[in-house]
Amino acid sequence: MYDTENKKFIVPAIYDEIIFANFDGFNGGYVLRNGNKYGVFIYDNPNNTTIAPVFDKTLLLVNYNYFGKKMPLFKLYDNNGQLFCYANQTGKQYFKP
């Protein structure tokens, strides 16, 4: 992803796949895939957030500030598109009892 106005890369071209994601709420962005790991780029101008591909499952942003400012909660999905669990930005997973 390249910002033509400011002439700089927003998301560097180092990922195997960059997938547009229209997350819930005000934040849009991209799902980033490297091999079988997933991460995200979240629009938050002027300080956008990139979370490196550390997740083993496809993910979607649920709440950007769930654990505090810029500390997001994600939903992780299995290969069948079913909800697997929730996770924080470091990859720690949370399961329903």
C-alpha atoms as a PDB file:
ATOM      1  CA  MET A   1       0.000   0.000   0.000  1.00  0.00           C
ATOM      2  CA  TYR A   2       1.419   3.316  -1.094  1.00  0.00           C
ATOM      3  CA  ASP A   3       0.267   6.797  -0.032  1.00  0.00           C
ATOM      4  CA  THR A   4       0.621   8.850  -3.229  1.00  0.00           C
ATOM      5  CA  GLU A   5      -0.091  12.129  -1.427  1.00  0.00           C
ATOM      6  CA  ASN A   6       2.743  11.731   1.104  1.00  0.00           C
ATOM      7  CA  LYS A   7       4.883   9.554  -1.184  1.00  0.00           C
ATOM      8  CA  LYS A   8       5.490   6.745   1.292  1.00  0.00           C
ATOM      9  CA  PHE A   9       4.468   3.153   1.906  1.00  0.00           C
ATOM     10  CA  ILE A  10       1.618   2.693   4.370  1.00  0.00           C
ATOM     11  CA  VAL A  11       1.883  -1.094   4.310  1.00  0.00           C
ATOM     12  CA  PRO A  12       5.205  -2.367   2.962  1.00  0.00           C
ATOM     13  CA  ALA A  13       5.115  -4.931   0.157  1.00  0.00           C
ATOM     14  CA  ILE A  14       6.674  -7.662   2.323  1.00  0.00           C
ATOM     15  CA  TYR A  15       3.543  -9.759   2.854  1.00  0.00           C
ATOM     16  CA  ASP A  16       2.329 -12.732   0.811  1.00  0.00           C
ATOM     17  CA  GLU A  17      -1.156 -11.247   0.774  1.00  0.00           C
ATOM     18  CA  ILE A  18      -2.780  -7.944   1.799  1.00  0.00           C
ATOM     19  CA  ILE A  19      -6.577  -8.250   2.089  1.00  0.00           C
ATOM     20  CA  PHE A  20      -8.888  -5.242   2.451  1.00  0.00           C
ATOM     21  CA  ALA A  21     -10.930  -5.466   5.657  1.00  0.00           C
ATOM     22  CA  ASN A  22     -13.856  -3.276   6.623  1.00  0.00           C
ATOM     23  CA  PHE A  23     -13.713  -3.790  10.388  1.00  0.00           C
ATOM     24  CA  ASP A  24     -16.626  -2.964  12.696  1.00  0.00           C
ATOM     25  CA  GLY A  25     -16.700   0.565  14.074  1.00  0.00           C
ATOM     26  CA  PHE A  26     -14.597   3.440  12.798  1.00  0.00           C
ATOM     27  CA  ASN A  27     -11.421   1.549  11.943  1.00  0.00           C
ATOM     28  CA  GLY A  28     -10.799   0.003   8.557  1.00  0.00           C
ATOM     29  CA  GLY A  29      -7.634  -1.662   7.433  1.00  0.00           C
ATOM     30  CA  TYR A  30      -6.102  -4.802   6.003  1.00  0.00           C
ATOM     31  CA  VAL A  31      -5.464  -8.387   7.006  1.00  0.00           C
ATOM     32  CA  LEU A  32      -1.807  -9.240   6.360  1.00  0.00           C
ATOM     33  CA  ARG A  33      -0.724 -12.800   5.579  1.00  0.00           C
ATOM     34  CA  ASN A  34       2.815 -14.186   5.626  1.00  0.00           C
ATOM     35  CA  GLY A  35       2.866 -17.929   5.021  1.00  0.00           C
ATOM     36  CA  ASN A  36       0.249 -19.346   7.371  1.00  0.00           C
ATOM     37  CA  LYS A  37       0.381 -16.439   9.860  1.00  0.00           C
ATOM     38  CA  TYR A  38      -1.993 -13.466   9.929  1.00  0.00           C
ATOM     39  CA  GLY A  39      -1.678  -9.905  11.198  1.00  0.00           C
ATOM     40  CA  VAL A  40      -3.461  -6.598  10.595  1.00  0.00           C
ATOM     41  CA  PHE A  41      -2.950  -3.018   9.527  1.00  0.00           C
ATOM     42  CA  ILE A  42      -5.470  -0.678  11.211  1.00  0.00           C
ATOM     43  CA  TYR A  43      -6.167   2.843   9.943  1.00  0.00           C
ATOM     44  CA  ASP A  44      -5.786   5.329  12.798  1.00  0.00           C
ATOM     45  CA  ASN A  45      -4.424   8.483  11.165  1.00  0.00           C
ATOM     46  CA  PRO A  46      -1.976   9.931  11.728  1.00  0.00           C
ATOM     47  CA  ASN A  47      -0.628   6.969  13.758  1.00  0.00           C
ATOM     48  CA  ASN A  48      -1.779   3.818  11.979  1.00  0.00           C
ATOM     49  CA  THR A  49      -1.195   0.493  13.737  1.00  0.00           C
ATOM     50  CA  THR A  50       0.438  -2.623  12.286  1.00  0.00           C
ATOM     51  CA  ILE A  51       0.266  -5.886  14.203  1.00  0.00           C
ATOM     52  CA  ALA A  52       2.722  -8.378  12.752  1.00  0.00           C
ATOM     53  CA  PRO A  53       1.482 -11.747  11.503  1.00  0.00           C
ATOM     54  CA  VAL A  54       1.542 -13.802  14.737  1.00  0.00           C
ATOM     55  CA  PHE A  55      -1.892 -15.422  14.478  1.00  0.00           C
ATOM     56  CA  ASP A  56      -2.411 -18.975  13.164  1.00  0.00           C
ATOM     57  CA  LYS A  57      -6.003 -18.215  12.158  1.00  0.00           C
ATOM     58  CA  THR A  58      -7.718 -15.613   9.973  1.00  0.00           C
ATOM     59  CA  LEU A  59      -8.762 -12.651  12.109  1.00  0.00           C
ATOM     60  CA  LEU A  60     -11.091  -9.679  12.237  1.00  0.00           C
ATOM     61  CA  LEU A  61     -10.931  -6.640  14.489  1.00  0.00           C
ATOM     62  CA  VAL A  62     -13.762  -6.537  17.035  1.00  0.00           C
ATOM     63  CA  ASN A  63     -12.834  -3.518  19.163  1.00  0.00           C
ATOM     64  CA  TYR A  64      -9.712  -1.392  18.674  1.00  0.00           C
ATOM     65  CA  ASN A  65      -9.617  -0.150  22.291  1.00  0.00           C
ATOM     66  CA  TYR A  66     -11.058  -3.182  24.121  1.00  0.00           C
ATOM     67  CA  PHE A  67      -8.097  -3.697  26.496  1.00  0.00           C
ATOM     68  CA  GLY A  68      -7.160   0.010  26.582  1.00  0.00           C
ATOM     69  CA  LYS A  69      -6.084   2.645  24.067  1.00  0.00           C
ATOM     70  CA  LYS A  70      -4.876   0.907  20.878  1.00  0.00           C
ATOM     71  CA  MET A  71      -5.089  -2.511  22.580  1.00  0.00           C
ATOM     72  CA  PRO A  72      -7.500  -4.400  20.313  1.00  0.00           C
ATOM     73  CA  LEU A  73      -9.643  -7.499  20.619  1.00  0.00           C
ATOM     74  CA  PHE A  74      -9.808  -9.819  17.589  1.00  0.00           C
ATOM     75  CA  LYS A  75     -11.992 -12.723  16.527  1.00  0.00           C
ATOM     76  CA  LEU A  76     -10.049 -15.674  15.103  1.00  0.00           C
ATOM     77  CA  TYR A  77     -11.709 -17.984  12.569  1.00  0.00           C
ATOM     78  CA  ASP A  78     -10.895 -21.555  11.551  1.00  0.00           C
ATOM     79  CA  ASN A  79     -10.524 -22.741   7.943  1.00  0.00           C
ATOM     80  CA  ASN A  80     -14.300 -23.315   7.700  1.00  0.00           C
ATOM     81  CA  GLY A  81     -15.076 -19.697   8.626  1.00  0.00           C
ATOM     82  CA  GLN A  82     -16.303 -20.637  12.103  1.00  0.00           C
ATOM     83  CA  LEU A  83     -15.399 -18.556  15.156  1.00  0.00           C
ATOM     84  CA  PHE A  84     -12.470 -20.271  16.901  1.00  0.00           C
ATOM     85  CA  CYS A  85     -11.710 -17.853  19.763  1.00  0.00           C
ATOM     86  CA  TYR A  86     -10.899 -14.258  20.658  1.00  0.00           C
ATOM     87  CA  ALA A  87      -7.351 -12.868  20.971  1.00  0.00           C
ATOM     88  CA  ASN A  88      -5.414  -9.752  21.935  1.00  0.00           C
ATOM     89  CA  GLN A  89      -2.709  -8.027  19.865  1.00  0.00           C
ATOM     90  CA  THR A  90       0.068 -10.309  21.154  1.00  0.00           C
ATOM     91  CA  GLY A  91      -1.757 -13.470  20.091  1.00  0.00           C
ATOM     92  CA  LYS A  92      -3.001 -14.491  23.559  1.00  0.00           C
ATOM     93  CA  GLN A  93      -6.205 -16.443  22.993  1.00  0.00           C
ATOM     94  CA  TYR A  94      -9.435 -16.241  24.983  1.00  0.00           C
ATOM     95  CA  PHE A  95     -12.038 -19.007  24.889  1.00  0.00           C
ATOM     96  CA  LYS A  96     -15.606 -19.117  26.147  1.00  0.00           C
ATOM     97  CA  PRO A  97     -16.020 -21.558  29.066  1.00  0.00           C
END
